[in-house]
């Protein structure tokens, strides 16, 4: 199952919700969200700095990932950035592929 890193930054309203629900409450909400599209949360961490949470999640497809991102962002309480994570074996497969490409100006 494809793996994604979701980096989330809460708005002021989102932070109020975290204060109300606590960290475990937010983790439970994120777990339910992932399960609703056929996925699962592998890890979730809160952090200091610009990014408030880091979530590693297994989701069944890019479409499921897009649905999650759209729904979270539409709430207005969180801004997200999603990164597709690749295994070393997937990079091995990519490295073995022959790609027809001509660099600009070549």
Protein backbone atom coordinates (compact mmCIF):
# COMPACT_ATOMS: atom_id res chain seq x y z
CA UNK A 1 0.00 0.00 0.00
CA UNK A 2 1.43 3.44 -0.87
CA UNK A 3 2.87 5.38 2.03
CA UNK A 4 2.59 9.14 2.54
CA UNK A 5 4.05 11.74 4.88
CA UNK A 6 1.48 14.36 5.82
CA UNK A 7 2.88 17.51 7.40
CA UNK A 8 0.19 19.60 9.06
CA UNK A 9 0.16 23.12 10.42
CA UNK A 10 -2.80 24.16 12.54
CA UNK A 11 -4.53 27.51 12.20
CA UNK A 12 -5.50 29.35 15.40
CA UNK A 13 -8.87 27.58 15.37
CA UNK A 14 -7.17 24.24 14.82
CA UNK A 15 -4.89 24.83 17.79
CA UNK A 16 -7.93 25.59 19.95
CA UNK A 17 -9.26 22.19 18.93
CA UNK A 18 -5.98 20.50 19.88
CA UNK A 19 -6.11 22.19 23.28
CA UNK A 20 -9.67 20.92 23.71
CA UNK A 21 -9.16 17.35 22.37
CA UNK A 22 -5.53 16.80 23.38
CA UNK A 23 -2.93 15.00 21.34
CA UNK A 24 -4.49 11.55 21.74
CA UNK A 25 -7.86 12.91 20.67
CA UNK A 26 -6.33 14.30 17.49
CA UNK A 27 -4.52 11.00 16.85
CA UNK A 28 -7.82 9.12 17.16
CA UNK A 29 -9.46 11.54 14.70
CA UNK A 30 -6.59 11.06 12.22
CA UNK A 31 -6.77 7.28 12.61
CA UNK A 32 -10.53 7.33 11.88
CA UNK A 33 -9.91 9.55 8.85
CA UNK A 34 -7.31 7.14 7.41
CA UNK A 35 -9.50 4.11 8.09
CA UNK A 36 -12.47 5.79 6.38
CA UNK A 37 -10.62 5.61 3.03
CA UNK A 38 -9.15 2.14 3.60
CA UNK A 39 -5.83 3.21 5.11
CA UNK A 40 -4.04 3.21 8.44
CA UNK A 41 -1.79 5.53 10.44
CA UNK A 42 1.69 4.14 10.93
CA UNK A 43 3.04 6.98 13.10
CA UNK A 44 1.97 10.43 14.25
CA UNK A 45 4.14 12.97 15.99
CA UNK A 46 3.63 16.52 17.22
CA UNK A 47 6.58 18.88 16.81
CA UNK A 48 7.89 22.34 17.59
CA UNK A 49 8.35 24.79 14.74
CA UNK A 50 6.47 25.64 11.57
CA UNK A 51 5.01 22.15 11.20
CA UNK A 52 2.79 21.02 14.08
CA UNK A 53 2.32 17.34 13.19
CA UNK A 54 4.00 14.70 11.07
CA UNK A 55 1.88 11.70 10.11
CA UNK A 56 3.09 8.63 8.22
CA UNK A 57 0.05 6.95 6.73
CA UNK A 58 -0.64 4.01 4.44
CA UNK A 59 -3.40 4.85 1.96
CA UNK A 60 -4.72 2.70 -0.88
CA UNK A 61 -4.11 5.21 -3.68
CA UNK A 62 -3.17 8.71 -4.74
CA UNK A 63 -6.89 9.40 -5.12
CA UNK A 64 -7.44 8.46 -1.46
CA UNK A 65 -4.52 10.70 -0.49
CA UNK A 66 -6.00 13.56 -2.50
CA UNK A 67 -9.41 13.04 -0.86
CA UNK A 68 -7.78 13.19 2.58
CA UNK A 69 -5.83 16.34 1.72
CA UNK A 70 -8.84 18.09 0.22
CA UNK A 71 -11.05 17.24 3.19
CA UNK A 72 -8.48 18.30 5.78
CA UNK A 73 -7.70 21.58 3.99
CA UNK A 74 -11.38 22.37 3.43
CA UNK A 75 -11.91 22.32 7.20
CA UNK A 76 -9.95 25.57 7.43
CA UNK A 77 -8.37 24.37 10.70
CA UNK A 78 -5.26 22.80 9.17
CA UNK A 79 -2.90 23.37 6.24
CA UNK A 80 -1.22 20.23 4.90
CA UNK A 81 1.64 19.20 2.69
CA UNK A 82 1.69 15.59 1.48
CA UNK A 83 4.79 13.75 0.28
CA UNK A 84 4.68 10.36 -1.43
CA UNK A 85 7.19 8.05 0.27
CA UNK A 86 9.03 5.42 -1.76
CA UNK A 87 10.76 2.30 -0.48
CA UNK A 88 14.37 1.54 -1.45
CA UNK A 89 13.01 -1.30 -3.60
CA UNK A 90 10.76 1.10 -5.50
CA UNK A 91 13.80 3.28 -6.22
CA UNK A 92 15.64 0.16 -7.43
CA UNK A 93 12.74 -0.50 -9.84
CA UNK A 94 12.84 3.11 -11.03
CA UNK A 95 16.61 3.01 -11.53
CA UNK A 96 16.26 -0.05 -13.80
CA UNK A 97 13.72 1.64 -16.09
CA UNK A 98 14.92 3.03 -19.40
CA UNK A 99 13.58 6.52 -19.98
CA UNK A 100 13.69 8.28 -23.37
CA UNK A 101 14.61 11.87 -22.55
CA UNK A 102 16.49 14.71 -24.20
CA UNK A 103 17.67 17.52 -21.95
CA UNK A 104 16.72 21.07 -23.00
CA UNK A 105 19.28 22.40 -25.45
CA UNK A 106 20.91 18.99 -25.98
